[in-house]
């Protein structure tokens, strides 16, 4: 009996030990009872933007974006002939990502001016963004902003166009409605990294308060870039356009841009404009033209058919190179300043100044196309010019004055001109040779 009791006790103890081991192993496999975080969701991520065309689209145009939000193209869109715009945005606070795809036109009827993308509400729209794709072959403009209630009122405040290629607009044949971008009726917009090419109208047409940067306007039928008002254009190129490369309104700023082989002026800007660090070459008009109260600094104007640089009254030209142009190198209006510039090998005059201050500049080899081409010419109907500290050489006339008397011409040097100085009486213009120089204010014939 005792033997059986002992055997039973050992069996119970063994069973209890095995149970404890199993419980411990189960807890270890189950992990902590108070985990530090919930497991990640295995559900697929939902695209927060709206597809264009929308799900269930029946293929008719336009595709209308009439709710605020973010939209994206899912494929190329081809608009058939004689249909409304491909995409119309009618509500504020819309972003449309073309997502690397294209919006294209398939054929145009004569006179059709329908844009491919139209931004148009019944009231002023705000904060519209289009980006990342191609718009090609519009019958009218590629992208157009228009106030749907009043076509002469502002359409959009805050239009942003970014990373776009806009080409071959104006297939309907109307160059006034064949712009790459027609944003004339906008305010405070931004256009960046946009290329406009082969549009029969204007490449980019902007408006007051706009910033245009890092853009290319090439081989458009009219202007490369037109800004109708104040704003800033920087780091852009305008090449081979039918009219001016850059055509800017009053108080506009143009910085670090190039304009070459355009059918009009390389740069044409209205009053109070600031043009800095720009290069113009081979344009059929002038290189740079600016209105009154303008500033042109550190620019080059070379081999243009017209003048190199021409500014209106009370303007400043500083640090510019105006060489080998078909008319004069630099032409300055009344009460202007030309300084630290070069004007060489121009067909007419090097520098023409009208009651202006010209100093520390160089004018060489000008006047090959006209009789009596001068390195520096003081002309016009007003006296009061001051020409000081310049060097003129190898011109028909070094320094010539045809304006009324009472101009000051001092401390200039002239050599190897056919006539060194042609200055009538009544002006302050002492002239001496290097051998007889005694007056520190004298002009030097050497």
Protein backbone atom coordinates (compact mmCIF):
# COMPACT_ATOMS: atom_id res chain seq x y z
CA UNK A 1 0.00 0.00 0.00
CA UNK A 2 2.75 2.35 0.89
CA UNK A 3 4.43 1.58 -2.41
CA UNK A 4 1.32 2.61 -4.42
CA UNK A 5 0.93 5.87 -2.46
CA UNK A 6 4.51 6.88 -3.17
CA UNK A 7 4.10 6.07 -6.86
CA UNK A 8 0.92 8.19 -7.02
CA UNK A 9 2.65 11.20 -5.41
CA UNK A 10 5.48 11.09 -7.86
CA UNK A 11 3.04 10.93 -10.78
CA UNK A 12 1.08 13.96 -9.58
CA UNK A 13 4.28 15.99 -9.07
CA UNK A 14 5.47 15.09 -12.57
CA UNK A 15 2.18 16.13 -14.11
CA UNK A 16 2.22 19.47 -12.31
CA UNK A 17 5.79 20.15 -13.52
CA UNK A 18 4.88 19.41 -17.14
CA UNK A 19 1.87 21.72 -16.88
CA UNK A 20 4.00 24.58 -15.58
CA UNK A 21 6.50 24.12 -18.43
CA UNK A 22 3.70 24.22 -21.04
CA UNK A 23 2.19 27.37 -19.56
CA UNK A 24 5.58 29.13 -19.58
CA UNK A 25 6.22 28.17 -23.19
CA UNK A 26 2.80 29.44 -24.25
CA UNK A 27 3.33 32.83 -22.61
CA UNK A 28 6.74 33.20 -24.24
CA UNK A 29 5.28 32.51 -27.70
CA UNK A 30 2.38 34.92 -27.22
CA UNK A 31 4.61 37.96 -26.65
CA UNK A 32 4.01 40.71 -24.06
CA UNK A 33 0.57 41.07 -22.57
CA UNK A 34 0.84 44.89 -22.90
CA UNK A 35 2.32 45.53 -26.39
CA UNK A 36 3.85 48.98 -27.04
CA UNK A 37 1.87 49.72 -30.21
CA UNK A 38 -0.89 48.48 -32.47
CA UNK A 39 0.07 46.46 -35.55
CA UNK A 40 0.24 48.35 -38.87
CA UNK A 41 -2.75 48.37 -41.18
CA UNK A 42 -2.61 46.00 -44.11
CA UNK A 43 -5.23 47.95 -46.09
CA UNK A 44 -4.01 49.48 -49.43
CA UNK A 45 -3.25 53.24 -49.42
CA UNK A 46 -6.08 55.30 -50.93
CA UNK A 47 -5.06 58.01 -53.48
CA UNK A 48 -6.26 61.28 -51.87
CA UNK A 49 -6.52 63.09 -55.22
CA UNK A 50 -9.28 62.94 -57.81
CA UNK A 51 -8.53 61.21 -61.15
CA UNK A 52 -8.96 63.01 -64.47
CA UNK A 53 -10.86 61.80 -66.41
CA UNK A 54 -13.12 60.81 -63.52
CA UNK A 55 -14.22 57.23 -62.99
CA UNK A 56 -17.09 56.42 -65.33
CA UNK A 57 -16.32 59.27 -67.77
CA UNK A 58 -18.41 58.92 -70.94
CA UNK A 59 -15.83 60.56 -73.25
CA UNK A 60 -17.54 63.94 -73.71
CA UNK A 61 -15.88 67.33 -73.24
CA UNK A 62 -15.23 69.44 -71.33
CA UNK A 63 -14.03 67.61 -68.26
CA UNK A 64 -15.07 70.11 -65.60
CA UNK A 65 -13.28 70.53 -62.28
CA UNK A 66 -15.89 72.33 -60.22
CA UNK A 67 -14.88 71.44 -56.67
CA UNK A 68 -11.82 72.57 -54.68
CA UNK A 69 -9.18 69.89 -54.37
CA UNK A 70 -6.27 68.13 -55.99
CA UNK A 71 -6.64 66.33 -59.32
CA UNK A 72 -4.30 64.22 -61.46
CA UNK A 73 -4.30 62.91 -65.02
CA UNK A 74 -4.36 59.14 -65.39
CA UNK A 75 -3.55 59.06 -69.12
CA UNK A 76 -3.10 61.27 -72.18
CA UNK A 77 -6.22 63.18 -73.22
CA UNK A 78 -7.00 63.79 -76.90
CA UNK A 79 -9.66 66.38 -77.69
CA UNK A 80 -11.49 65.87 -81.01
CA UNK A 81 -12.07 68.62 -83.55
CA UNK A 82 -14.89 71.12 -82.95
CA UNK A 83 -15.43 70.28 -79.28
CA UNK A 84 -15.29 72.44 -76.12
CA UNK A 85 -12.07 72.74 -74.12
CA UNK A 86 -10.61 69.48 -72.89
CA UNK A 87 -10.52 70.65 -69.26
CA UNK A 88 -12.35 73.55 -67.63
CA UNK A 89 -11.63 74.70 -64.07
CA UNK A 90 -14.53 76.64 -62.59
CA UNK A 91 -13.75 76.68 -58.85
CA UNK A 92 -11.04 78.18 -56.64
CA UNK A 93 -8.33 76.24 -54.80
CA UNK A 94 -7.73 73.61 -57.48
CA UNK A 95 -4.44 71.85 -58.27
CA UNK A 96 -4.22 69.83 -61.48
CA UNK A 97 -1.18 67.58 -61.88
CA UNK A 98 -0.83 66.42 -65.47
CA UNK A 99 1.33 63.67 -63.99
CA UNK A 100 3.67 63.57 -66.98
CA UNK A 101 0.82 63.05 -69.44
CA UNK A 102 -0.37 65.25 -72.31
CA UNK A 103 -3.51 67.15 -73.22
CA UNK A 104 -3.63 67.28 -77.02
CA UNK A 105 -5.88 68.53 -79.81
CA UNK A 106 -6.78 66.37 -82.80
CA UNK A 107 -7.33 68.84 -85.64
CA UNK A 108 -8.81 72.35 -85.85
CA UNK A 109 -11.40 74.04 -87.99
CA UNK A 110 -10.48 77.39 -89.47
CA UNK A 111 -11.18 80.22 -87.04
CA UNK A 112 -11.58 77.91 -84.02
CA UNK A 113 -10.13 79.66 -80.95
CA UNK A 114 -11.01 77.06 -78.31
CA UNK A 115 -8.25 76.60 -75.70
CA UNK A 116 -7.26 73.16 -74.48
CA UNK A 117 -7.35 74.09 -70.79
CA UNK A 118 -9.63 76.92 -69.68
CA UNK A 119 -9.64 78.46 -66.19
CA UNK A 120 -12.92 80.34 -65.97
CA UNK A 121 -15.43 80.91 -63.19
CA UNK A 122 -18.44 83.13 -62.80
CA UNK A 123 -16.47 85.13 -60.23
CA UNK A 124 -12.81 85.76 -59.46
CA UNK A 125 -11.02 82.45 -58.90
CA UNK A 126 -8.15 82.08 -56.45
CA UNK A 127 -5.19 79.74 -56.15
CA UNK A 128 -5.18 77.62 -59.30
CA UNK A 129 -2.16 75.41 -60.03
CA UNK A 130 -1.36 73.45 -63.22
CA UNK A 131 1.84 71.42 -63.37
CA UNK A 132 3.97 68.57 -64.73
CA UNK A 133 2.96 67.78 -68.30
CA UNK A 134 2.40 68.81 -71.91
CA UNK A 135 -0.31 70.84 -73.65
CA UNK A 136 -0.06 70.55 -77.42
CA UNK A 137 -1.87 71.64 -80.55
CA UNK A 138 -4.66 73.83 -79.17
CA UNK A 139 -6.89 75.53 -81.72
CA UNK A 140 -6.76 78.68 -79.58
CA UNK A 141 -4.42 79.13 -76.63
CA UNK A 142 -2.92 76.19 -74.83
CA UNK A 143 -3.89 77.47 -71.38
CA UNK A 144 -6.23 80.43 -70.99
CA UNK A 145 -7.65 82.28 -67.99
CA UNK A 146 -10.95 84.09 -68.58
CA UNK A 147 -13.57 85.61 -66.31
CA UNK A 148 -16.77 83.83 -67.28
CA UNK A 149 -19.00 86.65 -66.02
CA UNK A 150 -17.09 89.56 -67.57
CA UNK A 151 -14.39 88.86 -70.17
CA UNK A 152 -12.49 92.06 -69.37
CA UNK A 153 -12.32 91.51 -65.61
CA UNK A 154 -9.58 89.67 -63.71
CA UNK A 155 -10.11 85.91 -63.90
CA UNK A 156 -7.63 84.47 -61.39
CA UNK A 157 -5.73 85.77 -58.38
CA UNK A 158 -2.84 83.40 -57.78
CA UNK A 159 -2.37 81.31 -60.94
CA UNK A 160 0.63 78.95 -60.76
CA UNK A 161 1.96 77.16 -63.85
CA UNK A 162 4.92 74.88 -63.25
CA UNK A 163 6.96 72.33 -65.21
CA UNK A 164 4.93 72.46 -68.43
CA UNK A 165 5.61 72.14 -72.16
CA UNK A 166 3.10 74.14 -74.23
CA UNK A 167 3.50 73.83 -77.98
CA UNK A 168 1.79 74.37 -81.34
CA UNK A 169 -1.11 76.46 -80.09
CA UNK A 170 -3.24 78.49 -82.51
CA UNK A 171 -4.17 75.78 -84.97
CA UNK A 172 -7.36 77.70 -85.72
CA UNK A 173 -5.24 80.38 -87.39
CA UNK A 174 -5.91 83.36 -85.08
CA UNK A 175 -2.56 84.60 -83.72
CA UNK A 176 -4.32 86.80 -81.15
CA UNK A 177 -5.90 83.67 -79.63
CA UNK A 178 -2.99 81.32 -80.20
CA UNK A 179 -0.81 81.91 -77.15
CA UNK A 180 0.96 79.15 -75.34
CA UNK A 181 -0.18 80.71 -72.06
CA UNK A 182 -2.81 83.47 -72.00
CA UNK A 183 -2.74 84.69 -68.39
CA UNK A 184 -3.38 88.32 -69.23
CA UNK A 185 -6.39 88.49 -66.90
CA UNK A 186 -4.61 87.32 -63.76
CA UNK A 187 -2.96 88.84 -60.71
CA UNK A 188 0.01 87.79 -58.58
CA UNK A 189 0.74 84.61 -60.49
CA UNK A 190 3.83 82.43 -60.85
CA UNK A 191 5.05 80.78 -64.04
CA UNK A 192 8.20 78.68 -63.63
CA UNK A 193 10.04 76.03 -65.59
CA UNK A 194 7.65 76.38 -68.53
CA UNK A 195 8.67 75.98 -72.17
CA UNK A 196 6.51 77.53 -74.91
CA UNK A 197 7.42 76.74 -78.52
CA UNK A 198 5.88 76.97 -81.98
CA UNK A 199 2.73 78.77 -80.84
CA UNK A 200 1.39 81.08 -83.56
CA UNK A 201 0.66 83.84 -81.05
CA UNK A 202 2.48 84.94 -77.90
CA UNK A 203 4.53 82.40 -76.00
CA UNK A 204 3.67 83.54 -72.46
CA UNK A 205 1.24 86.38 -71.84
CA UNK A 206 1.29 87.47 -68.21
CA UNK A 207 -0.12 90.33 -66.19
CA UNK A 208 0.64 92.63 -63.28
CA UNK A 209 2.28 91.19 -60.21
CA UNK A 210 3.41 88.03 -61.94
CA UNK A 211 6.74 86.27 -61.49
CA UNK A 212 8.07 84.40 -64.52
CA UNK A 213 11.29 82.44 -64.04
CA UNK A 214 13.35 79.65 -65.59
CA UNK A 215 11.25 79.66 -68.78
CA UNK A 216 12.01 79.27 -72.48
CA UNK A 217 10.02 81.00 -75.22
CA UNK A 218 11.16 79.89 -78.64
CA UNK A 219 9.88 80.33 -82.19
CA UNK A 220 6.48 81.70 -81.30
CA UNK A 221 4.68 83.82 -83.90
CA UNK A 222 4.44 87.00 -81.83
CA UNK A 223 6.21 87.96 -78.59
CA UNK A 224 8.19 85.41 -76.64
CA UNK A 225 7.15 86.77 -73.22
CA UNK A 226 4.63 89.59 -72.76
CA UNK A 227 3.95 91.03 -69.31
CA UNK A 228 1.32 93.75 -69.33
CA UNK A 229 2.29 95.55 -66.14
CA UNK A 230 4.74 95.38 -63.27
CA UNK A 231 6.30 92.05 -62.36
CA UNK A 232 9.55 90.09 -62.53
CA UNK A 233 11.06 87.93 -65.27
CA UNK A 234 14.28 86.10 -64.46
CA UNK A 235 16.53 83.38 -65.88
CA UNK A 236 14.50 83.09 -69.07
CA UNK A 237 15.43 82.78 -72.75
CA UNK A 238 13.52 84.17 -75.74
CA UNK A 239 14.77 83.00 -79.12
CA UNK A 240 13.50 83.20 -82.67
CA UNK A 241 10.10 84.74 -81.89
CA UNK A 242 8.27 86.77 -84.54
CA UNK A 243 8.22 90.07 -82.61
CA UNK A 244 10.01 91.17 -79.42
CA UNK A 245 11.67 88.52 -77.32
CA UNK A 246 10.53 90.18 -74.07
CA UNK A 247 7.82 92.87 -74.08
CA UNK A 248 7.32 94.30 -70.60
CA UNK A 249 5.01 96.87 -69.04
CA UNK A 250 5.86 99.71 -66.68
CA UNK A 251 7.87 98.99 -63.53
CA UNK A 252 8.82 95.50 -64.67
CA UNK A 253 12.10 93.83 -63.76
CA UNK A 254 14.09 91.62 -66.16
CA UNK A 255 17.08 89.79 -64.71
CA UNK A 256 19.64 87.35 -66.13
CA UNK A 257 17.74 86.69 -69.35
CA UNK A 258 18.82 86.23 -72.97
CA UNK A 259 17.10 87.29 -76.18
CA UNK A 260 18.43 86.24 -79.57
CA UNK A 261 17.25 86.26 -83.19
CA UNK A 262 13.81 87.68 -82.50
CA UNK A 263 11.89 89.53 -85.22
CA UNK A 264 11.60 92.74 -83.16
CA UNK A 265 13.65 94.00 -80.23
CA UNK A 266 15.37 91.55 -77.95
CA UNK A 267 13.93 93.41 -74.95
CA UNK A 268 11.32 96.16 -75.09
CA UNK A 269 10.23 97.59 -71.74
CA UNK A 270 8.06 100.55 -70.74
CA UNK A 271 8.86 103.25 -68.18
CA UNK A 272 10.44 102.59 -64.76
CA UNK A 273 11.75 99.21 -65.87
CA UNK A 274 14.88 97.58 -64.44
CA UNK A 275 16.97 95.39 -66.75
CA UNK A 276 20.00 93.69 -65.27
CA UNK A 277 22.46 91.07 -66.43
CA UNK A 278 20.79 90.36 -69.76
CA UNK A 279 22.30 89.38 -73.11
CA UNK A 280 20.81 90.25 -76.50
CA UNK A 281 22.13 89.11 -79.85
CA UNK A 282 21.09 89.16 -83.47
CA UNK A 283 17.62 90.64 -83.06
CA UNK A 284 15.95 92.35 -86.03
CA UNK A 285 15.16 95.46 -83.99
CA UNK A 286 17.20 96.89 -81.14
CA UNK A 287 18.89 94.81 -78.50
CA UNK A 288 17.35 96.57 -75.49
CA UNK A 289 14.76 99.37 -75.48
CA UNK A 290 13.46 100.90 -72.25
CA UNK A 291 11.26 103.90 -71.54
CA UNK A 292 11.94 106.80 -69.24
CA UNK A 293 13.18 106.43 -65.66
CA UNK A 294 14.68 103.04 -66.54
CA UNK A 295 17.84 101.28 -65.41
CA UNK A 296 19.92 99.03 -67.67
CA UNK A 297 22.97 97.50 -66.00
CA UNK A 298 25.58 94.87 -66.85
CA UNK A 299 23.95 93.92 -70.13
CA UNK A 300 25.28 93.11 -73.58
CA UNK A 301 23.70 94.12 -76.88
CA UNK A 302 25.63 92.74 -79.81
CA UNK A 303 24.95 92.38 -83.55
CA UNK A 304 21.38 93.62 -83.46
CA UNK A 305 19.95 95.28 -86.59
CA UNK A 306 18.89 98.43 -84.70
CA UNK A 307 20.43 100.21 -81.73
CA UNK A 308 22.19 98.20 -79.07
CA UNK A 309 20.67 99.92 -76.01
CA UNK A 310 18.14 102.76 -76.18
CA UNK A 311 16.59 104.38 -73.10
CA UNK A 312 14.25 107.30 -72.46
CA UNK A 313 14.83 110.37 -70.36
CA UNK A 314 16.13 110.24 -66.77
CA UNK A 315 17.46 106.72 -67.26
CA UNK A 316 20.75 105.01 -66.39
CA UNK A 317 22.94 102.71 -68.48
CA UNK A 318 25.86 101.24 -66.56
CA UNK A 319 28.41 98.55 -67.29
CA UNK A 320 26.98 97.58 -70.67
CA UNK A 321 28.61 96.37 -73.88
CA UNK A 322 26.86 97.58 -77.05
CA UNK A 323 28.91 96.47 -80.02
CA UNK A 324 28.54 95.73 -83.71
CA UNK A 325 24.94 96.89 -83.97
CA UNK A 326 23.32 98.14 -87.18
CA UNK A 327 22.51 101.60 -85.79
CA UNK A 328 24.04 103.23 -82.70
CA UNK A 329 25.48 101.40 -79.73
CA UNK A 330 23.84 103.33 -76.86
CA UNK A 331 21.20 106.03 -77.19
CA UNK A 332 20.32 107.94 -74.01
CA UNK A 333 17.38 110.32 -73.60
CA UNK A 334 17.38 113.66 -71.82
CA UNK A 335 18.98 113.86 -68.37
CA UNK A 336 20.23 110.28 -68.47
CA UNK A 337 23.55 108.77 -67.33
CA UNK A 338 25.79 106.41 -69.30
CA UNK A 339 28.80 105.05 -67.42
CA UNK A 340 31.47 102.36 -67.56
CA UNK A 341 30.21 101.04 -70.89
CA UNK A 342 31.66 100.12 -74.27
CA UNK A 343 30.22 100.97 -77.68
CA UNK A 344 32.35 99.69 -80.51
CA UNK A 345 32.01 98.86 -84.20
CA UNK A 346 28.43 100.10 -84.48
CA UNK A 347 27.28 101.22 -87.95
CA UNK A 348 26.22 104.69 -86.82
CA UNK A 349 27.34 106.29 -83.56
CA UNK A 350 28.89 104.69 -80.52
CA UNK A 351 27.00 106.68 -77.86
CA UNK A 352 24.30 109.27 -78.53
CA UNK A 353 23.52 111.48 -75.58
CA UNK A 354 20.88 114.20 -75.29
CA UNK A 355 21.57 116.55 -72.42
CA UNK A 356 23.01 113.59 -70.53
CA UNK A 357 26.07 112.67 -68.48
CA UNK A 358 28.44 110.19 -70.18
CA UNK A 359 31.57 109.16 -68.30
CA UNK A 360 34.23 106.46 -68.03
CA UNK A 361 33.18 104.77 -71.26
CA UNK A 362 34.89 103.55 -74.44
CA UNK A 363 33.76 104.08 -78.04
CA UNK A 364 35.82 102.63 -80.89
CA UNK A 365 35.41 102.00 -84.59
CA UNK A 366 31.90 103.41 -85.02
CA UNK A 367 30.32 105.13 -88.04
CA UNK A 368 31.12 102.86 -90.95
CA UNK A 369 27.60 103.12 -92.43
CA UNK A 370 27.06 106.89 -92.27
CA UNK A 371 29.07 110.04 -92.86
CA UNK A 372 30.45 111.59 -89.68
CA UNK A 373 29.67 108.72 -87.36
CA UNK A 374 30.88 109.68 -83.91
CA UNK A 375 32.28 107.76 -81.00
CA UNK A 376 30.18 110.03 -78.79
CA UNK A 377 27.53 112.32 -80.27
CA UNK A 378 25.82 115.03 -78.22
CA UNK A 379 22.65 115.86 -80.16
CA UNK A 380 19.06 116.88 -79.63
CA UNK A 381 17.56 120.28 -78.94
CA UNK A 382 18.52 120.74 -75.29
CA UNK A 383 21.88 121.87 -73.89
CA UNK A 384 23.42 120.71 -70.64
CA UNK A 385 25.25 117.47 -71.49
CA UNK A 386 28.43 116.54 -69.61
CA UNK A 387 30.87 114.22 -71.37
CA UNK A 388 33.79 113.32 -69.10
CA UNK A 389 36.60 110.82 -68.80
CA UNK A 390 35.87 108.78 -71.92
CA UNK A 391 38.17 107.33 -74.56
CA UNK A 392 37.25 107.43 -78.28
CA UNK A 393 39.27 105.98 -81.13
CA UNK A 394 39.05 104.97 -84.80
CA UNK A 395 35.69 106.67 -85.38
CA UNK A 396 34.85 109.18 -88.12
CA UNK A 397 34.63 111.78 -85.37
CA UNK A 398 35.82 111.12 -81.85
CA UNK A 399 33.38 113.45 -80.02
CA UNK A 400 30.83 115.53 -81.91
CA UNK A 401 28.39 118.14 -80.57
CA UNK A 402 25.38 119.24 -82.61
CA UNK A 403 23.17 120.23 -79.67
CA UNK A 404 22.81 123.85 -78.56
CA UNK A 405 25.74 125.37 -76.66
CA UNK A 406 26.46 125.17 -72.94
CA UNK A 407 27.61 121.57 -72.78
CA UNK A 408 30.64 120.45 -70.78
CA UNK A 409 33.14 118.13 -72.48
CA UNK A 410 36.23 117.54 -70.30
CA UNK A 411 38.97 115.02 -69.55
CA UNK A 412 38.28 112.85 -72.59
CA UNK A 413 40.98 111.32 -74.79
CA UNK A 414 40.80 110.81 -78.55
CA UNK A 415 43.10 109.09 -80.99
CA UNK A 416 43.11 107.71 -84.54
CA UNK A 417 39.73 109.27 -85.39
CA UNK A 418 39.35 110.98 -88.76
CA UNK A 419 38.43 114.10 -86.77
CA UNK A 420 39.22 113.93 -83.08
CA UNK A 421 36.79 116.62 -81.82
CA UNK A 422 34.00 118.50 -83.56
CA UNK A 423 32.77 120.90 -80.90
CA UNK A 424 31.44 124.38 -81.81
CA UNK A 425 32.01 127.46 -79.69
CA UNK A 426 29.89 128.18 -76.65
CA UNK A 427 30.70 124.85 -75.01
CA UNK A 428 33.19 124.16 -72.22
CA UNK A 429 35.64 121.92 -74.06
CA UNK A 430 39.35 122.69 -73.66
CA UNK A 431 41.48 120.62 -76.03
CA UNK A 432 45.22 120.02 -75.75
CA UNK A 433 47.71 117.53 -77.10
CA UNK A 434 49.63 115.09 -74.97
CA UNK A 435 52.79 117.11 -75.61
CA UNK A 436 51.33 120.42 -74.42
CA UNK A 437 48.96 119.19 -71.70
CA UNK A 438 48.74 121.69 -68.86
CA UNK A 439 45.06 121.91 -67.99
CA UNK A 440 43.88 118.90 -65.89
CA UNK A 441 40.36 119.36 -67.31
CA UNK A 442 41.49 119.40 -70.93
CA UNK A 443 40.50 116.84 -73.53
CA UNK A 444 43.54 115.11 -74.98
CA UNK A 445 44.25 114.69 -78.68
CA UNK A 446 46.99 112.08 -78.71
